[in-house]
């Protein structure tokens, strides 16, 4: 299984076998993380792997999921840092899925009380991982997601590769399965919007959600040998989704 295939089969796992993962595989996880290029490469990030095979991190168990390991993700506190975090962490989760490991993002849980920083980096999120009790995958049709017709406004008839990009975006996990994204689709570009909140900016974890979704788009683009740029266009209006907020555009480079 590669990352592309994992997009269509990964599920969040909350029940784990409390057994160790081989040191070689943990090293592969660290090495793969070091090779991921973020959505904004100018934002410095780090991870720490927390060993919980003896169940010693009880605070995390109570607030999240009991797993043999957790990854703590830290980042510089810059603009779009949460989106960058989601972009990186979803790729790591997909890599681990391909290696036979289950994963689950744990929002609102910190690795250690009173320790929200690692040097000058700020703690962002925890991800539980390990060998799952039962399957760590599911069929794409089993994912509870809205249909593309509910998520998209089609300005032009999409080609097959465009449908594959959109379907991968549709399958992206989101906090509380909120699926906040909406798409305006043309022949060679997708304008991405967020459902508008009372506040005129993205919530903390909603920005993380969009990072996850954009990672799906770019993984599929690479699989299909498409050159796609994620850029923000200044001339995009909200007329297609009156109660929405423009985020970014995915544009096919020709």
C-alpha atoms as a PDB file:
ATOM      1  CA  UNK A   1       0.000   0.000   0.000  1.00  0.00           C
ATOM      2  CA  UNK A   2       1.262   3.496  -0.841  1.00  0.00           C
ATOM      3  CA  UNK A   3       0.029   6.897   0.372  1.00  0.00           C
ATOM      4  CA  UNK A   4      -2.417   7.244  -2.516  1.00  0.00           C
ATOM      5  CA  UNK A   5      -4.037   3.903  -1.673  1.00  0.00           C
ATOM      6  CA  UNK A   6      -4.036   4.732   2.032  1.00  0.00           C
ATOM      7  CA  UNK A   7      -6.192   7.834   1.382  1.00  0.00           C
ATOM      8  CA  UNK A   8      -9.026   5.545   0.325  1.00  0.00           C
ATOM      9  CA  UNK A   9      -8.625   2.988   3.128  1.00  0.00           C
ATOM     10  CA  UNK A  10      -7.322   4.692   6.300  1.00  0.00           C
ATOM     11  CA  UNK A  11      -9.676   5.115   9.248  1.00  0.00           C
ATOM     12  CA  UNK A  12      -9.235   6.599  12.720  1.00  0.00           C
ATOM     13  CA  UNK A  13      -8.386   3.884  15.250  1.00  0.00           C
ATOM     14  CA  UNK A  14      -9.279   4.253  18.927  1.00  0.00           C
ATOM     15  CA  UNK A  15      -8.640   0.715  20.168  1.00  0.00           C
ATOM     16  CA  UNK A  16      -5.062  -0.593  20.208  1.00  0.00           C
ATOM     17  CA  UNK A  17      -3.024  -3.599  21.208  1.00  0.00           C
ATOM     18  CA  UNK A  18      -0.610  -2.389  23.899  1.00  0.00           C
ATOM     19  CA  UNK A  19       2.374  -4.064  22.284  1.00  0.00           C
ATOM     20  CA  UNK A  20       5.637  -2.491  21.162  1.00  0.00           C
ATOM     21  CA  UNK A  21       6.384  -1.501  17.595  1.00  0.00           C
ATOM     22  CA  UNK A  22       9.774  -2.649  16.326  1.00  0.00           C
ATOM     23  CA  UNK A  23      12.527  -0.073  16.700  1.00  0.00           C
ATOM     24  CA  UNK A  24      13.263  -0.276  12.967  1.00  0.00           C
ATOM     25  CA  UNK A  25       9.697   0.756  12.127  1.00  0.00           C
ATOM     26  CA  UNK A  26       9.787   3.629  14.625  1.00  0.00           C
ATOM     27  CA  UNK A  27      12.991   4.774  12.911  1.00  0.00           C
ATOM     28  CA  UNK A  28      11.209   4.610   9.541  1.00  0.00           C
ATOM     29  CA  UNK A  29       8.452   6.827  10.926  1.00  0.00           C
ATOM     30  CA  UNK A  30      10.983   9.414  12.120  1.00  0.00           C
ATOM     31  CA  UNK A  31      12.878   9.264   8.835  1.00  0.00           C
ATOM     32  CA  UNK A  32       9.731   9.668   6.756  1.00  0.00           C
ATOM     33  CA  UNK A  33       8.651  12.675   8.820  1.00  0.00           C
ATOM     34  CA  UNK A  34      12.042  14.302   8.201  1.00  0.00           C
ATOM     35  CA  UNK A  35      11.474  14.012   4.436  1.00  0.00           C
ATOM     36  CA  UNK A  36       7.994  15.592   4.342  1.00  0.00           C
ATOM     37  CA  UNK A  37       7.924  19.039   2.798  1.00  0.00           C
ATOM     38  CA  UNK A  38       5.317  21.145   4.535  1.00  0.00           C
ATOM     39  CA  UNK A  39       2.665  23.312   2.972  1.00  0.00           C
ATOM     40  CA  UNK A  40       4.850  26.198   4.149  1.00  0.00           C
ATOM     41  CA  UNK A  41       8.457  24.936   4.294  1.00  0.00           C
ATOM     42  CA  UNK A  42       9.443  28.134   6.131  1.00  0.00           C
ATOM     43  CA  UNK A  43       7.691  26.910   9.299  1.00  0.00           C
ATOM     44  CA  UNK A  44      10.005  24.823  11.487  1.00  0.00           C
ATOM     45  CA  UNK A  45       8.402  21.754  13.087  1.00  0.00           C
ATOM     46  CA  UNK A  46       9.470  18.805  15.226  1.00  0.00           C
ATOM     47  CA  UNK A  47       7.924  15.597  16.541  1.00  0.00           C
ATOM     48  CA  UNK A  48       8.459  13.523  19.689  1.00  0.00           C
ATOM     49  CA  UNK A  49       7.405   9.885  19.991  1.00  0.00           C
ATOM     50  CA  UNK A  50       5.997   9.093  23.434  1.00  0.00           C
ATOM     51  CA  UNK A  51       6.295   5.462  24.553  1.00  0.00           C
ATOM     52  CA  UNK A  52       3.168   4.355  26.414  1.00  0.00           C
ATOM     53  CA  UNK A  53       3.541   0.582  26.078  1.00  0.00           C
ATOM     54  CA  UNK A  54       3.358   0.220  29.879  1.00  0.00           C
ATOM     55  CA  UNK A  55       0.298   2.483  30.115  1.00  0.00           C
ATOM     56  CA  UNK A  56       2.113   5.107  32.147  1.00  0.00           C
ATOM     57  CA  UNK A  57       0.573   8.182  30.464  1.00  0.00           C
ATOM     58  CA  UNK A  58      -2.782   7.942  32.216  1.00  0.00           C
ATOM     59  CA  UNK A  59      -3.741  11.568  31.630  1.00  0.00           C
ATOM     60  CA  UNK A  60      -3.664  11.022  27.875  1.00  0.00           C
ATOM     61  CA  UNK A  61      -5.753   7.841  28.258  1.00  0.00           C
ATOM     62  CA  UNK A  62      -8.491   9.694  30.111  1.00  0.00           C
ATOM     63  CA  UNK A  63      -8.711  12.574  27.632  1.00  0.00           C
ATOM     64  CA  UNK A  64      -7.984  10.726  24.408  1.00  0.00           C
ATOM     65  CA  UNK A  65      -7.359   7.114  23.392  1.00  0.00           C
ATOM     66  CA  UNK A  66      -5.250   4.491  25.140  1.00  0.00           C
ATOM     67  CA  UNK A  67      -2.505   3.620  22.688  1.00  0.00           C
ATOM     68  CA  UNK A  68       1.009   2.200  22.982  1.00  0.00           C
ATOM     69  CA  UNK A  69       2.518   5.319  21.388  1.00  0.00           C
ATOM     70  CA  UNK A  70       1.740   8.965  20.741  1.00  0.00           C
ATOM     71  CA  UNK A  71       3.352  11.488  18.425  1.00  0.00           C
ATOM     72  CA  UNK A  72       3.513  15.026  19.780  1.00  0.00           C
ATOM     73  CA  UNK A  73       3.781  17.614  17.014  1.00  0.00           C
ATOM     74  CA  UNK A  74       5.413  21.001  17.644  1.00  0.00           C
ATOM     75  CA  UNK A  75       5.596  24.023  15.375  1.00  0.00           C
ATOM     76  CA  UNK A  76       6.708  27.602  15.119  1.00  0.00           C
ATOM     77  CA  UNK A  77       3.757  29.888  15.830  1.00  0.00           C
ATOM     78  CA  UNK A  78       3.363  31.498  12.414  1.00  0.00           C
ATOM     79  CA  UNK A  79       0.549  32.310  10.006  1.00  0.00           C
ATOM     80  CA  UNK A  80      -1.117  29.102   8.721  1.00  0.00           C
ATOM     81  CA  UNK A  81       0.944  26.991  11.138  1.00  0.00           C
ATOM     82  CA  UNK A  82      -2.077  24.805  11.950  1.00  0.00           C
ATOM     83  CA  UNK A  83      -2.784  24.205   8.258  1.00  0.00           C
ATOM     84  CA  UNK A  84       0.853  23.289   7.743  1.00  0.00           C
ATOM     85  CA  UNK A  85       0.603  20.901  10.724  1.00  0.00           C
ATOM     86  CA  UNK A  86      -2.425  19.117   9.275  1.00  0.00           C
ATOM     87  CA  UNK A  87      -0.684  18.856   5.905  1.00  0.00           C
ATOM     88  CA  UNK A  88       2.369  17.188   7.442  1.00  0.00           C
ATOM     89  CA  UNK A  89       0.629  15.011  10.019  1.00  0.00           C
ATOM     90  CA  UNK A  90      -1.869  13.501   7.589  1.00  0.00           C
ATOM     91  CA  UNK A  91       0.986  12.396   5.335  1.00  0.00           C
ATOM     92  CA  UNK A  92       2.637  10.801   8.351  1.00  0.00           C
ATOM     93  CA  UNK A  93      -0.647   9.091   9.301  1.00  0.00           C
ATOM     94  CA  UNK A  94      -1.057   7.735   5.759  1.00  0.00           C
ATOM     95  CA  UNK A  95       2.537   6.461   5.763  1.00  0.00           C
ATOM     96  CA  UNK A  96       1.892   4.656   9.044  1.00  0.00           C
ATOM     97  CA  UNK A  97      -1.345   3.204   7.690  1.00  0.00           C
ATOM     98  CA  UNK A  98       0.610   1.833   4.721  1.00  0.00           C
ATOM     99  CA  UNK A  99       3.010   0.227   7.225  1.00  0.00           C
ATOM    100  CA  UNK A 100       0.172  -1.532   9.063  1.00  0.00           C
ATOM    101  CA  UNK A 101      -0.247   0.909  11.971  1.00  0.00           C
ATOM    102  CA  UNK A 102      -3.466   2.508  13.177  1.00  0.00           C
ATOM    103  CA  UNK A 103      -3.583   6.224  14.023  1.00  0.00           C
ATOM    104  CA  UNK A 104      -5.951   8.762  15.547  1.00  0.00           C
ATOM    105  CA  UNK A 105      -5.629  12.538  15.983  1.00  0.00           C
ATOM    106  CA  UNK A 106      -6.310  13.723  19.545  1.00  0.00           C
ATOM    107  CA  UNK A 107      -7.298  17.376  19.725  1.00  0.00           C
ATOM    108  CA  UNK A 108      -7.289  19.175  23.068  1.00  0.00           C
ATOM    109  CA  UNK A 109      -4.868  16.722  24.704  1.00  0.00           C
ATOM    110  CA  UNK A 110      -1.337  17.762  25.679  1.00  0.00           C
ATOM    111  CA  UNK A 111       1.591  15.378  26.212  1.00  0.00           C
ATOM    112  CA  UNK A 112       2.409  16.724  29.668  1.00  0.00           C
ATOM    113  CA  UNK A 113       0.544  19.141  31.932  1.00  0.00           C
ATOM    114  CA  UNK A 114       2.162  22.561  31.911  1.00  0.00           C
ATOM    115  CA  UNK A 115       4.558  21.739  29.048  1.00  0.00           C
ATOM    116  CA  UNK A 116       3.063  23.309  25.891  1.00  0.00           C
ATOM    117  CA  UNK A 117       6.445  24.074  24.284  1.00  0.00           C
ATOM    118  CA  UNK A 118       9.537  22.319  22.990  1.00  0.00           C
ATOM    119  CA  UNK A 119      12.252  24.938  22.972  1.00  0.00           C
ATOM    120  CA  UNK A 120      10.800  27.832  20.967  1.00  0.00           C
ATOM    121  CA  UNK A 121       8.234  25.579  19.294  1.00  0.00           C
ATOM    122  CA  UNK A 122       4.610  25.407  20.390  1.00  0.00           C
ATOM    123  CA  UNK A 123       2.736  22.143  20.920  1.00  0.00           C
ATOM    124  CA  UNK A 124       0.044  21.633  18.272  1.00  0.00           C
ATOM    125  CA  UNK A 125      -1.531  18.177  18.471  1.00  0.00           C
ATOM    126  CA  UNK A 126      -1.100  14.562  19.573  1.00  0.00           C
ATOM    127  CA  UNK A 127      -1.612  11.523  17.366  1.00  0.00           C
ATOM    128  CA  UNK A 128      -2.125   8.083  18.906  1.00  0.00           C
ATOM    129  CA  UNK A 129      -0.650   5.136  17.026  1.00  0.00           C
ATOM    130  CA  UNK A 130       0.141   1.461  17.247  1.00  0.00           C
ATOM    131  CA  UNK A 131      -1.218  -1.902  16.139  1.00  0.00           C
ATOM    132  CA  UNK A 132      -5.005  -1.760  16.149  1.00  0.00           C
ATOM    133  CA  UNK A 133      -7.452  -4.179  17.688  1.00  0.00           C
ATOM    134  CA  UNK A 134      -9.241  -5.215  14.527  1.00  0.00           C
ATOM    135  CA  UNK A 135      -8.626  -3.669  11.140  1.00  0.00           C
ATOM    136  CA  UNK A 136      -6.924  -0.293  10.776  1.00  0.00           C
ATOM    137  CA  UNK A 137      -8.506   0.161   7.341  1.00  0.00           C
ATOM    138  CA  UNK A 138     -11.964   0.314   5.764  1.00  0.00           C
ATOM    139  CA  UNK A 139     -13.433   0.487   2.272  1.00  0.00           C
ATOM    140  CA  UNK A 140     -13.882   3.981   0.827  1.00  0.00           C
ATOM    141  CA  UNK A 141     -17.644   3.435   0.516  1.00  0.00           C
ATOM    142  CA  UNK A 142     -17.835   2.887   4.288  1.00  0.00           C
ATOM    143  CA  UNK A 143     -16.579   6.400   5.037  1.00  0.00           C
ATOM    144  CA  UNK A 144     -19.394   8.657   6.240  1.00  0.00           C
ATOM    145  CA  UNK A 145     -18.883  11.636   3.961  1.00  0.00           C
ATOM    146  CA  UNK A 146     -21.078  13.977   1.960  1.00  0.00           C
ATOM    147  CA  UNK A 147     -21.405  13.353  -1.781  1.00  0.00           C
ATOM    148  CA  UNK A 148     -19.420  15.505  -4.181  1.00  0.00           C
ATOM    149  CA  UNK A 149     -22.672  16.999  -5.455  1.00  0.00           C
ATOM    150  CA  UNK A 150     -23.190  18.520  -1.995  1.00  0.00           C
ATOM    151  CA  UNK A 151     -19.634  19.820  -1.780  1.00  0.00           C
ATOM    152  CA  UNK A 152     -19.060  21.155  -5.300  1.00  0.00           C
ATOM    153  CA  UNK A 153     -20.314  23.805  -7.699  1.00  0.00           C
ATOM    154  CA  UNK A 154     -19.265  22.711 -11.187  1.00  0.00           C
ATOM    155  CA  UNK A 155     -18.525  25.544 -13.599  1.00  0.00           C
ATOM    156  CA  UNK A 156     -17.208  23.109 -16.217  1.00  0.00           C
ATOM    157  CA  UNK A 157     -17.602  19.371 -16.737  1.00  0.00           C
ATOM    158  CA  UNK A 158     -14.784  17.742 -14.718  1.00  0.00           C
ATOM    159  CA  UNK A 159     -12.428  15.291 -16.348  1.00  0.00           C
ATOM    160  CA  UNK A 160     -11.564  11.957 -14.737  1.00  0.00           C
ATOM    161  CA  UNK A 161      -8.391  13.202 -13.038  1.00  0.00           C
ATOM    162  CA  UNK A 162     -10.327  16.113 -11.559  1.00  0.00           C
ATOM    163  CA  UNK A 163     -12.893  13.685 -10.129  1.00  0.00           C
ATOM    164  CA  UNK A 164     -10.065  11.698  -8.511  1.00  0.00           C
ATOM    165  CA  UNK A 165      -8.665  14.846  -6.892  1.00  0.00           C
ATOM    166  CA  UNK A 166     -12.088  15.845  -5.587  1.00  0.00           C
ATOM    167  CA  UNK A 167     -12.894  12.369  -4.283  1.00  0.00           C
ATOM    168  CA  UNK A 168      -9.650  12.296  -2.304  1.00  0.00           C
ATOM    169  CA  UNK A 169     -10.535  15.694  -0.826  1.00  0.00           C
ATOM    170  CA  UNK A 170     -14.037  14.456   0.040  1.00  0.00           C
ATOM    171  CA  UNK A 171     -12.552  11.527   1.985  1.00  0.00           C
ATOM    172  CA  UNK A 172     -10.300  13.721   4.132  1.00  0.00           C
ATOM    173  CA  UNK A 173     -10.973  13.277   7.858  1.00  0.00           C
ATOM    174  CA  UNK A 174     -12.010  16.337   9.877  1.00  0.00           C
ATOM    175  CA  UNK A 175     -12.701  17.086  13.529  1.00  0.00           C
ATOM    176  CA  UNK A 176     -16.199  15.910  14.456  1.00  0.00           C
ATOM    177  CA  UNK A 177     -16.501  14.892  10.774  1.00  0.00           C
ATOM    178  CA  UNK A 178     -17.426  18.531  10.078  1.00  0.00           C
ATOM    179  CA  UNK A 179     -16.332  18.423   6.398  1.00  0.00           C
ATOM    180  CA  UNK A 180     -16.012  22.221   6.263  1.00  0.00           C
ATOM    181  CA  UNK A 181     -14.756  22.436   2.667  1.00  0.00           C
ATOM    182  CA  UNK A 182     -16.673  23.522  -0.395  1.00  0.00           C
ATOM    183  CA  UNK A 183     -15.307  23.540  -3.960  1.00  0.00           C
ATOM    184  CA  UNK A 184     -15.902  25.624  -7.077  1.00  0.00           C
ATOM    185  CA  UNK A 185     -14.656  23.438  -9.920  1.00  0.00           C
ATOM    186  CA  UNK A 186     -13.359  24.453 -13.345  1.00  0.00           C
ATOM    187  CA  UNK A 187     -11.577  22.429 -16.015  1.00  0.00           C
ATOM    188  CA  UNK A 188      -8.084  23.035 -14.602  1.00  0.00           C
ATOM    189  CA  UNK A 189      -8.611  24.513 -11.139  1.00  0.00           C
ATOM    190  CA  UNK A 190     -10.453  24.114  -7.863  1.00  0.00           C
ATOM    191  CA  UNK A 191     -11.288  27.107  -5.694  1.00  0.00           C
ATOM    192  CA  UNK A 192     -11.552  25.972  -2.066  1.00  0.00           C
ATOM    193  CA  UNK A 193     -13.904  27.630   0.433  1.00  0.00           C
ATOM    194  CA  UNK A 194     -14.736  27.067   4.100  1.00  0.00           C
ATOM    195  CA  UNK A 195     -18.200  27.236   5.578  1.00  0.00           C
ATOM    196  CA  UNK A 196     -18.308  30.628   7.286  1.00  0.00           C
ATOM    197  CA  UNK A 197     -18.349  30.958  11.083  1.00  0.00           C
ATOM    198  CA  UNK A 198     -19.485  33.833  13.261  1.00  0.00           C
ATOM    199  CA  UNK A 199     -15.822  34.833  13.377  1.00  0.00           C
ATOM    200  CA  UNK A 200     -14.226  35.851  10.088  1.00  0.00           C
ATOM    201  CA  UNK A 201     -11.297  33.475  10.375  1.00  0.00           C
ATOM    202  CA  UNK A 202     -10.828  29.698  10.597  1.00  0.00           C
ATOM    203  CA  UNK A 203     -11.054  28.028  13.962  1.00  0.00           C
ATOM    204  CA  UNK A 204      -7.851  26.426  15.288  1.00  0.00           C
ATOM    205  CA  UNK A 205      -8.648  22.841  14.354  1.00  0.00           C
ATOM    206  CA  UNK A 206     -10.590  23.742  11.235  1.00  0.00           C
ATOM    207  CA  UNK A 207      -7.374  25.155   9.804  1.00  0.00           C
ATOM    208  CA  UNK A 208      -5.743  21.832  10.713  1.00  0.00           C
ATOM    209  CA  UNK A 209      -8.575  20.056   8.856  1.00  0.00           C
ATOM    210  CA  UNK A 210      -7.849  22.014   5.697  1.00  0.00           C
ATOM    211  CA  UNK A 211      -4.195  21.044   5.899  1.00  0.00           C
ATOM    212  CA  UNK A 212      -5.271  17.389   5.949  1.00  0.00           C
ATOM    213  CA  UNK A 213      -7.496  17.900   2.914  1.00  0.00           C
ATOM    214  CA  UNK A 214      -4.784  19.719   0.942  1.00  0.00           C
ATOM    215  CA  UNK A 215      -2.360  16.865   1.618  1.00  0.00           C
ATOM    216  CA  UNK A 216      -4.849  14.498  -0.034  1.00  0.00           C
ATOM    217  CA  UNK A 217      -5.081  16.732  -3.097  1.00  0.00           C
ATOM    218  CA  UNK A 218      -1.309  16.921  -3.501  1.00  0.00           C
ATOM    219  CA  UNK A 219      -0.706  13.192  -2.931  1.00  0.00           C
ATOM    220  CA  UNK A 220      -3.221  12.317  -5.633  1.00  0.00           C
ATOM    221  CA  UNK A 221      -1.791  14.960  -7.965  1.00  0.00           C
ATOM    222  CA  UNK A 222       1.638  13.371  -7.571  1.00  0.00           C
ATOM    223  CA  UNK A 223       0.215   9.882  -8.146  1.00  0.00           C
ATOM    224  CA  UNK A 224      -1.421  11.078 -11.384  1.00  0.00           C
ATOM    225  CA  UNK A 225       1.699  12.985 -12.493  1.00  0.00           C
ATOM    226  CA  UNK A 226      -0.098  16.313 -12.340  1.00  0.00           C
ATOM    227  CA  UNK A 227       1.710  19.558 -11.552  1.00  0.00           C
ATOM    228  CA  UNK A 228      -0.647  21.323  -9.161  1.00  0.00           C
ATOM    229  CA  UNK A 229       0.044  24.549  -7.273  1.00  0.00           C
ATOM    230  CA  UNK A 230      -1.780  25.616  -4.122  1.00  0.00           C
ATOM    231  CA  UNK A 231      -2.017  29.404  -4.249  1.00  0.00           C
ATOM    232  CA  UNK A 232      -4.215  32.177  -2.912  1.00  0.00           C
ATOM    233  CA  UNK A 233      -5.796  34.370  -5.587  1.00  0.00           C
ATOM    234  CA  UNK A 234      -6.723  37.910  -4.649  1.00  0.00           C
ATOM    235  CA  UNK A 235      -9.544  38.271  -7.195  1.00  0.00           C
ATOM    236  CA  UNK A 236     -11.729  35.410  -5.934  1.00  0.00           C
ATOM    237  CA  UNK A 237     -15.120  36.489  -4.590  1.00  0.00           C
ATOM    238  CA  UNK A 238     -17.587  34.644  -2.328  1.00  0.00           C
ATOM    239  CA  UNK A 239     -20.506  34.848  -4.743  1.00  0.00           C
ATOM    240  CA  UNK A 240     -20.531  31.086  -5.384  1.00  0.00           C
ATOM    241  CA  UNK A 241     -20.908  30.321  -1.673  1.00  0.00           C
ATOM    242  CA  UNK A 242     -22.516  33.315   0.082  1.00  0.00           C
ATOM    243  CA  UNK A 243     -21.887  31.871   3.565  1.00  0.00           C
ATOM    244  CA  UNK A 244     -18.308  30.871   2.929  1.00  0.00           C
ATOM    245  CA  UNK A 245     -14.735  32.027   3.229  1.00  0.00           C
ATOM    246  CA  UNK A 246     -12.179  31.659   0.445  1.00  0.00           C
ATOM    247  CA  UNK A 247      -9.091  29.654   1.446  1.00  0.00           C
ATOM    248  CA  UNK A 248      -6.860  28.637  -1.484  1.00  0.00           C
ATOM    249  CA  UNK A 249      -6.985  27.442  -5.092  1.00  0.00           C
ATOM    250  CA  UNK A 250      -5.537  24.247  -6.552  1.00  0.00           C
ATOM    251  CA  UNK A 251      -4.429  25.094 -10.091  1.00  0.00           C
ATOM    252  CA  UNK A 252      -3.093  22.685 -12.721  1.00  0.00           C
ATOM    253  CA  UNK A 253       0.196  23.980 -14.108  1.00  0.00           C
ATOM    254  CA  UNK A 254       0.274  23.801 -17.920  1.00  0.00           C
END
